[in-house]
Amino acid sequence: LSSGTNFCVVHNYSQYKIPPTLTHCYVLLVGNFYGLHGDHEKAIVYFRRAVRLNRHDHSAWVLLGHEYMELRNCTMAIEAYCKGIEINKNDFRGYYGLGNAYEILKMPYFALHYFRQAHKLKQVSHTTTHTKHQHCSLSVHISDPQILESSSLWATATISLDSTKKQRSAI
């Protein structure tokens, strides 16, 4: 299937009998697609839909926060990041996003607090952090590598590889 065909299936997912977990994954992928292409309003629509489908997916909340930050809506971004952190206190991305939001709001003490928390968590081994996107990314055919690069699984893998390289170079 071409990426356009996959997009049509994803866009009209309610017409098909797709299992709920796959539907959630498809919605996240479409949100990532729109975010990558600079259509942040549409990305927010899809990440909100992902959050409605699975309120316990911390990555969906964090991605929603990222998109709000792209639109400079710090209030909504902070709310989304806080919900993501509430679900998973060990994911540094939510703390980092909060640090960015508070920095934009010119609240340096809050920003510093959240940046420190993010830094502390990023140094912890990411091998213990597993997201539900791992099974999503494996079960969904991705024809556009840019979509894969924007997914939280890719970000986690990249961070893990970067920290491994730094540890090796320090030895």
Protein backbone atom coordinates (compact mmCIF):
# COMPACT_ATOMS: atom_id res chain seq x y z
CA LEU A 1 0.00 0.00 0.00
CA SER A 2 1.16 3.51 -0.67
CA SER A 3 1.44 5.99 2.18
CA GLY A 4 -1.60 7.82 0.76
CA THR A 5 -3.65 4.65 1.00
CA ASN A 6 -2.50 4.04 4.58
CA PHE A 7 -3.47 7.60 5.42
CA CYS A 8 -6.97 7.09 3.98
CA VAL A 9 -7.44 3.95 6.05
CA VAL A 10 -6.22 5.77 9.13
CA HIS A 11 -8.28 8.87 8.44
CA ASN A 12 -11.47 6.83 7.96
CA TYR A 13 -10.71 4.26 10.62
CA SER A 14 -14.27 4.27 11.99
CA GLN A 15 -15.49 2.58 8.78
CA TYR A 16 -13.32 -0.46 9.38
CA LYS A 17 -13.23 -3.14 12.02
CA ILE A 18 -9.82 -2.22 13.44
CA PRO A 19 -9.02 -3.46 16.96
CA PRO A 20 -9.06 -0.59 19.51
CA THR A 21 -5.32 -0.81 20.24
CA LEU A 22 -4.51 -0.52 16.55
CA THR A 23 -6.90 2.39 16.22
CA HIS A 24 -5.02 4.15 19.02
CA CYS A 25 -1.71 3.47 17.30
CA TYR A 26 -2.96 4.70 13.94
CA VAL A 27 -4.28 7.90 15.51
CA LEU A 28 -0.87 8.51 17.12
CA LEU A 29 0.90 7.93 13.82
CA VAL A 30 -1.38 10.36 12.00
CA GLY A 31 -0.83 12.93 14.76
CA ASN A 32 2.92 12.51 14.35
CA PHE A 33 2.56 12.85 10.59
CA TYR A 34 0.73 16.17 10.89
CA GLY A 35 3.12 17.44 13.56
CA LEU A 36 6.11 16.64 11.35
CA HIS A 37 4.58 18.50 8.45
CA GLY A 38 3.88 21.59 10.53
CA ASP A 39 0.10 21.23 10.74
CA HIS A 40 -0.02 21.46 14.53
CA GLU A 41 -3.76 22.11 14.77
CA LYS A 42 -4.52 18.81 13.02
CA ALA A 43 -1.88 17.05 15.08
CA ILE A 44 -3.61 18.27 18.24
CA VAL A 45 -6.94 16.93 16.96
CA TYR A 46 -5.40 13.48 16.49
CA PHE A 47 -3.49 13.47 19.77
CA ARG A 48 -6.69 14.47 21.59
CA ARG A 49 -8.40 11.55 19.89
CA ALA A 50 -5.56 9.26 21.01
CA VAL A 51 -5.96 10.49 24.58
CA ARG A 52 -9.71 9.81 24.42
CA LEU A 53 -9.01 6.28 23.20
CA ASN A 54 -6.43 5.60 25.91
CA ARG A 55 -6.29 8.08 28.79
CA HIS A 56 -3.43 6.11 30.39
CA ASP A 57 -0.95 6.57 27.54
CA HIS A 58 1.59 9.02 28.92
CA SER A 59 3.29 9.41 25.54
CA ALA A 60 0.08 10.65 23.93
CA TRP A 61 -0.21 13.32 26.63
CA VAL A 62 3.41 14.37 26.17
CA LEU A 63 3.05 14.53 22.40
CA LEU A 64 -0.09 16.62 22.85
CA GLY A 65 1.92 18.95 25.08
CA HIS A 66 4.63 19.23 22.42
CA GLU A 67 2.07 20.28 19.82
CA TYR A 68 0.59 22.89 22.13
CA MET A 69 4.10 24.25 22.65
CA GLU A 70 4.50 24.57 18.89
CA LEU A 71 1.46 26.87 18.95
CA ARG A 72 2.84 28.69 22.02
CA ASN A 73 -0.19 27.65 24.08
CA CYS A 74 1.77 27.13 27.29
CA THR A 75 -1.28 26.71 29.53
CA MET A 76 -2.62 23.72 27.59
CA ALA A 77 0.89 22.33 27.15
CA ILE A 78 1.50 22.43 30.92
CA GLU A 79 -1.80 20.65 31.52
CA ALA A 80 -0.94 17.92 29.01
CA TYR A 81 2.59 17.45 30.34
CA CYS A 82 1.32 17.23 33.92
CA LYS A 83 -1.15 14.50 32.94
CA GLY A 84 1.63 12.60 31.20
CA ILE A 85 3.85 12.89 34.28
CA GLU A 86 0.99 11.82 36.52
CA ILE A 87 0.75 8.58 34.53
CA ASN A 88 4.50 7.94 34.23
CA LYS A 89 6.80 9.81 36.58
CA ASN A 90 9.88 8.20 34.99
CA ASP A 91 9.60 9.72 31.51
CA PHE A 92 11.90 12.73 31.23
CA ARG A 93 10.08 14.19 28.20
CA GLY A 94 7.19 15.54 30.25
CA TYR A 95 9.53 17.24 32.70
CA TYR A 96 11.59 18.69 29.87
CA GLY A 97 8.43 20.01 28.22
CA LEU A 98 7.39 21.64 31.49
CA GLY A 99 10.80 23.25 31.73
CA ASN A 100 10.40 24.70 28.25
CA ALA A 101 6.89 25.97 28.99
CA TYR A 102 7.94 27.69 32.21
CA GLU A 103 10.98 29.16 30.48
CA ILE A 104 8.73 30.74 27.84
CA LEU A 105 6.48 32.03 30.63
CA LYS A 106 9.57 33.64 32.19
CA MET A 107 9.36 31.57 35.36
CA PRO A 108 13.02 30.50 35.64
CA TYR A 109 12.82 28.77 39.02
CA PHE A 110 10.06 26.44 37.85
CA ALA A 111 11.88 25.91 34.55
CA LEU A 112 15.12 25.03 36.32
CA HIS A 113 13.33 22.61 38.66
CA TYR A 114 11.78 20.69 35.75
CA PHE A 115 14.93 20.76 33.63
CA ARG A 116 16.88 19.27 36.56
CA GLN A 117 14.26 16.55 37.00
CA ALA A 118 14.41 15.76 33.28
CA HIS A 119 18.20 15.61 33.35
CA LYS A 120 18.16 13.29 36.36
CA LEU A 121 15.66 10.95 34.69
CA LYS A 122 17.44 10.98 31.34
CA GLN A 123 20.58 9.63 33.00
CA VAL A 124 18.65 6.63 34.32
CA SER A 125 18.83 3.61 32.04
CA HIS A 126 15.98 3.68 29.54
CA THR A 127 15.94 -0.09 29.30
CA THR A 128 13.44 -0.15 32.17
CA THR A 129 11.10 2.29 30.44
CA HIS A 130 8.65 0.53 28.14
CA THR A 131 5.83 2.26 26.33
CA LYS A 132 2.77 0.86 24.68
CA HIS A 133 4.06 2.33 21.42
CA GLN A 134 6.57 -0.49 21.15
CA HIS A 135 3.86 -2.98 20.20
CA CYS A 136 2.11 -0.34 18.07
CA SER A 137 5.18 0.44 16.04
CA LEU A 138 5.84 -3.24 15.45
CA SER A 139 2.27 -4.10 14.43
CA VAL A 140 1.67 -1.16 12.07
CA HIS A 141 3.30 -1.05 8.65
CA ILE A 142 5.08 2.28 8.34
CA SER A 143 5.89 3.21 4.77
CA ASP A 144 7.21 6.71 5.54
CA PRO A 145 10.46 6.64 7.57
CA GLN A 146 9.85 10.23 8.71
CA ILE A 147 6.81 9.04 10.65
CA LEU A 148 8.93 6.41 12.39
CA GLU A 149 11.55 9.03 13.25
CA SER A 150 8.92 11.20 14.92
CA SER A 151 7.50 8.44 17.07
CA SER A 152 8.25 8.22 20.75
CA LEU A 153 9.77 4.77 20.23
CA TRP A 154 12.36 6.26 17.84
CA ALA A 155 13.09 9.05 20.30
CA THR A 156 13.56 6.56 23.13
CA ALA A 157 15.84 4.39 20.98
CA THR A 158 17.89 7.41 19.92
CA ILE A 159 18.28 8.60 23.49
CA SER A 160 19.28 5.13 24.59
CA LEU A 161 21.89 4.90 21.84
CA ASP A 162 23.22 8.38 22.60
CA SER A 163 23.65 7.62 26.28
CA THR A 164 25.35 4.30 25.49
CA LYS A 165 27.83 6.06 23.17
CA LYS A 166 28.60 8.67 25.83
CA GLN A 167 29.16 5.98 28.46
CA ARG A 168 31.54 4.11 26.15
CA SER A 169 33.49 7.23 25.29
CA ALA A 170 33.89 8.03 28.99
CA ILE A 171 35.50 4.64 29.65
